């Protein structure tokens, strides 16, 4: 287990307390017309870095078949208590060592607020694994370039690559996938969508 997984194991209860708010936010975003049009024809979604399962639950309640994967056992423990295992499954797995799913096994691979926390080599490994697993779309749901002081402080404390990520994400994704559509979804976040 790396330091990031241990950190998220420790802070998982805090994320668990924000589940309901996150769920409502994601549900509203993924029911917007431009997002629904982008996902038209898609049924199965892999939520990489699913955390407490808020995104997975919102997507499931929007009509998709969702599987979650996370490297943090603490986060998955929260998900077990917060989501229905009858409709959504979550597995303990780290994208850096490859996920235990079949190539092109999902219509969509999505990672929400994951990519910004990874250094460039790990982020490129994430993109490669998402491209391997997605049959139609790769979606990075993450920060845009409109930063807030509180986000700067939190991201600095987590020690990820947030400050570099928001400068390079669009060029990085275009270079890796050869295409990119950006849909703003919040004042400080966007969906970065690539077709595979």
C-alpha atoms as a PDB file:
ATOM      1  CA  UNK A   1       0.000   0.000   0.000  1.00  0.00           C
ATOM      2  CA  UNK A   2       1.383   3.423  -0.879  1.00  0.00           C
ATOM      3  CA  UNK A   3       1.214   6.600   1.215  1.00  0.00           C
ATOM      4  CA  UNK A   4      -1.762   7.921  -0.710  1.00  0.00           C
ATOM      5  CA  UNK A   5      -3.854   4.845   0.103  1.00  0.00           C
ATOM      6  CA  UNK A   6      -2.945   5.131   3.777  1.00  0.00           C
ATOM      7  CA  UNK A   7      -3.915   8.809   3.782  1.00  0.00           C
ATOM      8  CA  UNK A   8      -7.296   8.017   2.221  1.00  0.00           C
ATOM      9  CA  UNK A   9      -7.816   5.158   4.687  1.00  0.00           C
ATOM     10  CA  UNK A  10      -7.402   7.712   7.476  1.00  0.00           C
ATOM     11  CA  UNK A  11      -9.672  10.389   6.029  1.00  0.00           C
ATOM     12  CA  UNK A  12     -12.338   7.990   4.712  1.00  0.00           C
ATOM     13  CA  UNK A  13     -14.740   8.723   7.624  1.00  0.00           C
ATOM     14  CA  UNK A  14     -14.690  12.422   6.671  1.00  0.00           C
ATOM     15  CA  UNK A  15     -15.595  11.540   3.077  1.00  0.00           C
ATOM     16  CA  UNK A  16     -18.304   9.233   4.442  1.00  0.00           C
ATOM     17  CA  UNK A  17     -19.932  12.199   6.165  1.00  0.00           C
ATOM     18  CA  UNK A  18     -20.117  14.090   2.848  1.00  0.00           C
ATOM     19  CA  UNK A  19     -21.623  11.138   0.936  1.00  0.00           C
ATOM     20  CA  UNK A  20     -25.178  12.520   0.765  1.00  0.00           C
ATOM     21  CA  UNK A  21     -23.998  15.931  -0.506  1.00  0.00           C
ATOM     22  CA  UNK A  22     -21.666  14.352  -3.085  1.00  0.00           C
ATOM     23  CA  UNK A  23     -24.388  11.952  -4.223  1.00  0.00           C
ATOM     24  CA  UNK A  24     -26.903  14.764  -4.831  1.00  0.00           C
ATOM     25  CA  UNK A  25     -24.287  16.837  -6.672  1.00  0.00           C
ATOM     26  CA  UNK A  26     -23.234  13.952  -8.949  1.00  0.00           C
ATOM     27  CA  UNK A  27     -26.846  12.928  -9.582  1.00  0.00           C
ATOM     28  CA  UNK A  28     -27.690  16.452 -10.726  1.00  0.00           C
ATOM     29  CA  UNK A  29     -24.603  16.671 -12.970  1.00  0.00           C
ATOM     30  CA  UNK A  30     -25.113  13.318 -14.684  1.00  0.00           C
ATOM     31  CA  UNK A  31     -28.771  14.045 -15.406  1.00  0.00           C
ATOM     32  CA  UNK A  32     -27.995  17.259 -17.312  1.00  0.00           C
ATOM     33  CA  UNK A  33     -28.826  17.109 -21.009  1.00  0.00           C
ATOM     34  CA  UNK A  34     -25.299  17.633 -22.452  1.00  0.00           C
ATOM     35  CA  UNK A  35     -23.914  14.907 -20.182  1.00  0.00           C
ATOM     36  CA  UNK A  36     -26.775  12.499 -20.930  1.00  0.00           C
ATOM     37  CA  UNK A  37     -26.288  13.084 -24.668  1.00  0.00           C
ATOM     38  CA  UNK A  38     -22.582  12.312 -24.348  1.00  0.00           C
ATOM     39  CA  UNK A  39     -23.373   9.058 -22.525  1.00  0.00           C
ATOM     40  CA  UNK A  40     -26.148   8.039 -24.950  1.00  0.00           C
ATOM     41  CA  UNK A  41     -25.738   4.384 -25.909  1.00  0.00           C
ATOM     42  CA  UNK A  42     -23.555   3.632 -22.887  1.00  0.00           C
ATOM     43  CA  UNK A  43     -24.698   1.189 -20.230  1.00  0.00           C
ATOM     44  CA  UNK A  44     -21.731  -0.052 -18.200  1.00  0.00           C
ATOM     45  CA  UNK A  45     -19.402   2.258 -16.279  1.00  0.00           C
ATOM     46  CA  UNK A  46     -16.256   1.567 -14.286  1.00  0.00           C
ATOM     47  CA  UNK A  47     -15.752   4.186 -11.563  1.00  0.00           C
ATOM     48  CA  UNK A  48     -11.999   4.187 -10.855  1.00  0.00           C
ATOM     49  CA  UNK A  49     -11.207   5.673  -7.452  1.00  0.00           C
ATOM     50  CA  UNK A  50     -14.818   5.217  -6.379  1.00  0.00           C
ATOM     51  CA  UNK A  51     -14.129   6.208  -2.774  1.00  0.00           C
ATOM     52  CA  UNK A  52     -17.287   6.022  -0.677  1.00  0.00           C
ATOM     53  CA  UNK A  53     -19.417   5.200  -3.716  1.00  0.00           C
ATOM     54  CA  UNK A  54     -21.244   8.521  -4.064  1.00  0.00           C
ATOM     55  CA  UNK A  55     -20.547   8.798  -7.804  1.00  0.00           C
ATOM     56  CA  UNK A  56     -21.272   5.110  -8.382  1.00  0.00           C
ATOM     57  CA  UNK A  57     -24.621   5.450  -6.571  1.00  0.00           C
ATOM     58  CA  UNK A  58     -25.599   8.539  -8.555  1.00  0.00           C
ATOM     59  CA  UNK A  59     -24.718   6.839 -11.838  1.00  0.00           C
ATOM     60  CA  UNK A  60     -26.604   3.687 -10.839  1.00  0.00           C
ATOM     61  CA  UNK A  61     -29.656   5.796  -9.982  1.00  0.00           C
ATOM     62  CA  UNK A  62     -29.314   7.454 -13.392  1.00  0.00           C
ATOM     63  CA  UNK A  63     -29.763   4.047 -15.042  1.00  0.00           C
ATOM     64  CA  UNK A  64     -26.218   2.759 -15.584  1.00  0.00           C
ATOM     65  CA  UNK A  65     -24.609  -0.523 -14.535  1.00  0.00           C
ATOM     66  CA  UNK A  66     -21.720   0.589 -12.324  1.00  0.00           C
ATOM     67  CA  UNK A  67     -18.672  -1.142 -10.887  1.00  0.00           C
ATOM     68  CA  UNK A  68     -16.321   0.721  -8.559  1.00  0.00           C
ATOM     69  CA  UNK A  69     -12.629   0.194  -7.859  1.00  0.00           C
ATOM     70  CA  UNK A  70     -10.509   1.866  -5.202  1.00  0.00           C
ATOM     71  CA  UNK A  71      -7.069   1.287  -3.665  1.00  0.00           C
ATOM     72  CA  UNK A  72      -8.196   2.455  -0.216  1.00  0.00           C
ATOM     73  CA  UNK A  73      -9.708  -0.194   2.034  1.00  0.00           C
ATOM     74  CA  UNK A  74     -10.979   2.588   4.318  1.00  0.00           C
ATOM     75  CA  UNK A  75     -12.931   4.162   1.480  1.00  0.00           C
ATOM     76  CA  UNK A  76     -14.398   0.809   0.461  1.00  0.00           C
ATOM     77  CA  UNK A  77     -15.471   0.170   4.041  1.00  0.00           C
ATOM     78  CA  UNK A  78     -17.380   3.443   3.904  1.00  0.00           C
ATOM     79  CA  UNK A  79     -18.897   2.428   0.543  1.00  0.00           C
ATOM     80  CA  UNK A  80     -20.009  -0.910   2.007  1.00  0.00           C
ATOM     81  CA  UNK A  81     -22.004   0.975   4.650  1.00  0.00           C
ATOM     82  CA  UNK A  82     -23.382   3.616   2.284  1.00  0.00           C
ATOM     83  CA  UNK A  83     -24.337   1.878  -0.969  1.00  0.00           C
ATOM     84  CA  UNK A  84     -26.424  -1.145  -1.853  1.00  0.00           C
ATOM     85  CA  UNK A  85     -24.228  -4.148  -2.695  1.00  0.00           C
ATOM     86  CA  UNK A  86     -27.179  -5.657  -4.579  1.00  0.00           C
ATOM     87  CA  UNK A  87     -26.910  -3.053  -7.326  1.00  0.00           C
ATOM     88  CA  UNK A  88     -23.319  -1.772  -7.243  1.00  0.00           C
ATOM     89  CA  UNK A  89     -20.122  -3.727  -6.649  1.00  0.00           C
ATOM     90  CA  UNK A  90     -16.852  -2.200  -5.528  1.00  0.00           C
ATOM     91  CA  UNK A  91     -13.474  -3.955  -5.539  1.00  0.00           C
ATOM     92  CA  UNK A  92     -10.185  -3.255  -3.808  1.00  0.00           C
ATOM     93  CA  UNK A  93      -7.674  -2.702  -6.582  1.00  0.00           C
ATOM     94  CA  UNK A  94      -4.960  -0.233  -7.518  1.00  0.00           C
ATOM     95  CA  UNK A  95      -4.926   1.103 -11.071  1.00  0.00           C
ATOM     96  CA  UNK A  96      -1.120   1.357 -11.008  1.00  0.00           C
ATOM     97  CA  UNK A  97      -0.822  -2.436 -10.893  1.00  0.00           C
ATOM     98  CA  UNK A  98      -3.619  -3.010 -13.418  1.00  0.00           C
ATOM     99  CA  UNK A  99      -7.283  -3.522 -12.687  1.00  0.00           C
ATOM    100  CA  UNK A 100      -8.789  -7.042 -12.702  1.00  0.00           C
ATOM    101  CA  UNK A 101     -11.216  -6.477 -15.557  1.00  0.00           C
ATOM    102  CA  UNK A 102     -11.401  -7.615 -19.175  1.00  0.00           C
ATOM    103  CA  UNK A 103     -10.105  -5.374 -21.960  1.00  0.00           C
ATOM    104  CA  UNK A 104     -12.950  -3.257 -23.371  1.00  0.00           C
ATOM    105  CA  UNK A 105     -15.155  -4.628 -20.583  1.00  0.00           C
ATOM    106  CA  UNK A 106     -16.970  -1.327 -19.936  1.00  0.00           C
ATOM    107  CA  UNK A 107     -18.596   1.244 -22.191  1.00  0.00           C
ATOM    108  CA  UNK A 108     -17.150   4.033 -20.032  1.00  0.00           C
ATOM    109  CA  UNK A 109     -14.215   4.333 -17.654  1.00  0.00           C
ATOM    110  CA  UNK A 110     -14.563   7.289 -15.337  1.00  0.00           C
ATOM    111  CA  UNK A 111     -12.259   8.708 -12.685  1.00  0.00           C
ATOM    112  CA  UNK A 112     -13.621  11.474 -10.482  1.00  0.00           C
ATOM    113  CA  UNK A 113     -11.114  13.700  -8.672  1.00  0.00           C
ATOM    114  CA  UNK A 114      -8.402  11.061  -9.074  1.00  0.00           C
ATOM    115  CA  UNK A 115      -6.139  12.273 -11.889  1.00  0.00           C
ATOM    116  CA  UNK A 116      -5.131  15.544 -10.217  1.00  0.00           C
ATOM    117  CA  UNK A 117      -3.719  13.615  -7.268  1.00  0.00           C
ATOM    118  CA  UNK A 118      -1.329  11.556  -9.399  1.00  0.00           C
ATOM    119  CA  UNK A 119       2.140  12.516 -10.582  1.00  0.00           C
ATOM    120  CA  UNK A 120       2.543  12.528 -14.367  1.00  0.00           C
ATOM    121  CA  UNK A 121       3.824   8.919 -14.764  1.00  0.00           C
ATOM    122  CA  UNK A 122       0.992   7.534 -12.618  1.00  0.00           C
ATOM    123  CA  UNK A 123      -1.553   9.720 -14.399  1.00  0.00           C
ATOM    124  CA  UNK A 124      -0.395   8.412 -17.783  1.00  0.00           C
ATOM    125  CA  UNK A 125      -0.689   4.866 -16.400  1.00  0.00           C
ATOM    126  CA  UNK A 126      -4.259   5.718 -15.332  1.00  0.00           C
ATOM    127  CA  UNK A 127      -5.079   6.936 -18.852  1.00  0.00           C
ATOM    128  CA  UNK A 128      -3.566   3.783 -20.372  1.00  0.00           C
ATOM    129  CA  UNK A 129      -5.591   1.503 -18.102  1.00  0.00           C
ATOM    130  CA  UNK A 130      -8.765   3.488 -18.785  1.00  0.00           C
ATOM    131  CA  UNK A 131      -8.135   3.254 -22.538  1.00  0.00           C
ATOM    132  CA  UNK A 132      -7.624  -0.524 -22.190  1.00  0.00           C
ATOM    133  CA  UNK A 133     -10.863  -1.036 -20.270  1.00  0.00           C
ATOM    134  CA  UNK A 134     -13.204   1.438 -22.037  1.00  0.00           C
ATOM    135  CA  UNK A 135     -14.982   0.490 -25.225  1.00  0.00           C
ATOM    136  CA  UNK A 136     -16.429   3.950 -25.920  1.00  0.00           C
ATOM    137  CA  UNK A 137     -15.480   6.778 -23.551  1.00  0.00           C
ATOM    138  CA  UNK A 138     -12.939   7.809 -20.956  1.00  0.00           C
ATOM    139  CA  UNK A 139     -14.123  10.538 -18.593  1.00  0.00           C
ATOM    140  CA  UNK A 140     -11.931  12.469 -16.191  1.00  0.00           C
ATOM    141  CA  UNK A 141     -14.238  14.371 -13.814  1.00  0.00           C
ATOM    142  CA  UNK A 142     -11.855  16.792 -12.164  1.00  0.00           C
ATOM    143  CA  UNK A 143     -10.775  20.350 -11.468  1.00  0.00           C
ATOM    144  CA  UNK A 144     -10.580  23.055 -14.089  1.00  0.00           C
ATOM    145  CA  UNK A 145      -8.194  26.026 -13.948  1.00  0.00           C
ATOM    146  CA  UNK A 146     -10.406  28.144 -11.651  1.00  0.00           C
ATOM    147  CA  UNK A 147      -8.773  27.472  -8.314  1.00  0.00           C
ATOM    148  CA  UNK A 148      -9.904  28.434  -4.838  1.00  0.00           C
ATOM    149  CA  UNK A 149      -7.692  29.081  -1.833  1.00  0.00           C
ATOM    150  CA  UNK A 150      -9.253  26.301   0.209  1.00  0.00           C
ATOM    151  CA  UNK A 151      -8.763  23.797  -2.623  1.00  0.00           C
ATOM    152  CA  UNK A 152      -5.140  24.921  -2.980  1.00  0.00           C
ATOM    153  CA  UNK A 153      -4.550  24.298   0.728  1.00  0.00           C
ATOM    154  CA  UNK A 154      -6.249  20.886   0.790  1.00  0.00           C
ATOM    155  CA  UNK A 155      -4.511  19.706  -2.385  1.00  0.00           C
ATOM    156  CA  UNK A 156      -1.141  20.915  -1.123  1.00  0.00           C
ATOM    157  CA  UNK A 157      -1.751  18.897   2.057  1.00  0.00           C
ATOM    158  CA  UNK A 158      -2.640  15.757   0.102  1.00  0.00           C
ATOM    159  CA  UNK A 159       0.626  16.064  -1.825  1.00  0.00           C
ATOM    160  CA  UNK A 160      -0.713  15.211  -5.287  1.00  0.00           C
ATOM    161  CA  UNK A 161       0.024  16.907  -8.611  1.00  0.00           C
ATOM    162  CA  UNK A 162      -2.931  19.291  -8.559  1.00  0.00           C
ATOM    163  CA  UNK A 163      -1.004  22.426  -9.493  1.00  0.00           C
ATOM    164  CA  UNK A 164       0.635  20.822 -12.532  1.00  0.00           C
ATOM    165  CA  UNK A 165      -2.485  18.856 -13.507  1.00  0.00           C
ATOM    166  CA  UNK A 166      -4.699  21.885 -14.044  1.00  0.00           C
ATOM    167  CA  UNK A 167      -2.069  23.411 -16.343  1.00  0.00           C
ATOM    168  CA  UNK A 168      -1.513  20.334 -18.518  1.00  0.00           C
ATOM    169  CA  UNK A 169      -4.664  18.185 -18.402  1.00  0.00           C
ATOM    170  CA  UNK A 170      -6.178  19.280 -21.712  1.00  0.00           C
ATOM    171  CA  UNK A 171      -2.960  18.982 -23.719  1.00  0.00           C
ATOM    172  CA  UNK A 172      -2.104  15.742 -21.938  1.00  0.00           C
ATOM    173  CA  UNK A 173      -5.457  14.133 -22.790  1.00  0.00           C
ATOM    174  CA  UNK A 174      -5.433  15.373 -26.400  1.00  0.00           C
ATOM    175  CA  UNK A 175      -1.938  13.977 -26.819  1.00  0.00           C
ATOM    176  CA  UNK A 176      -2.821  10.640 -25.243  1.00  0.00           C
ATOM    177  CA  UNK A 177      -6.251  10.013 -26.808  1.00  0.00           C
ATOM    178  CA  UNK A 178      -6.131  12.230 -29.904  1.00  0.00           C
ATOM    179  CA  UNK A 179      -9.416  13.951 -29.000  1.00  0.00           C
ATOM    180  CA  UNK A 180     -11.035  15.829 -26.145  1.00  0.00           C
ATOM    181  CA  UNK A 181     -14.416  17.336 -25.302  1.00  0.00           C
ATOM    182  CA  UNK A 182     -14.711  19.497 -22.188  1.00  0.00           C
ATOM    183  CA  UNK A 183     -18.061  20.013 -20.460  1.00  0.00           C
ATOM    184  CA  UNK A 184     -18.010  22.476 -17.545  1.00  0.00           C
ATOM    185  CA  UNK A 185     -20.087  21.000 -14.714  1.00  0.00           C
ATOM    186  CA  UNK A 186     -19.284  23.186 -11.701  1.00  0.00           C
ATOM    187  CA  UNK A 187     -17.553  26.549 -11.215  1.00  0.00           C
ATOM    188  CA  UNK A 188     -14.257  24.735 -10.535  1.00  0.00           C
ATOM    189  CA  UNK A 189     -14.742  21.387 -12.285  1.00  0.00           C
ATOM    190  CA  UNK A 190     -15.275  19.880 -15.714  1.00  0.00           C
ATOM    191  CA  UNK A 191     -15.759  16.586 -17.483  1.00  0.00           C
ATOM    192  CA  UNK A 192     -12.808  15.851 -19.756  1.00  0.00           C
ATOM    193  CA  UNK A 193     -14.205  13.339 -22.249  1.00  0.00           C
ATOM    194  CA  UNK A 194     -12.149  11.292 -24.683  1.00  0.00           C
ATOM    195  CA  UNK A 195     -13.420   8.774 -27.206  1.00  0.00           C
ATOM    196  CA  UNK A 196     -11.491   5.528 -27.556  1.00  0.00           C
END
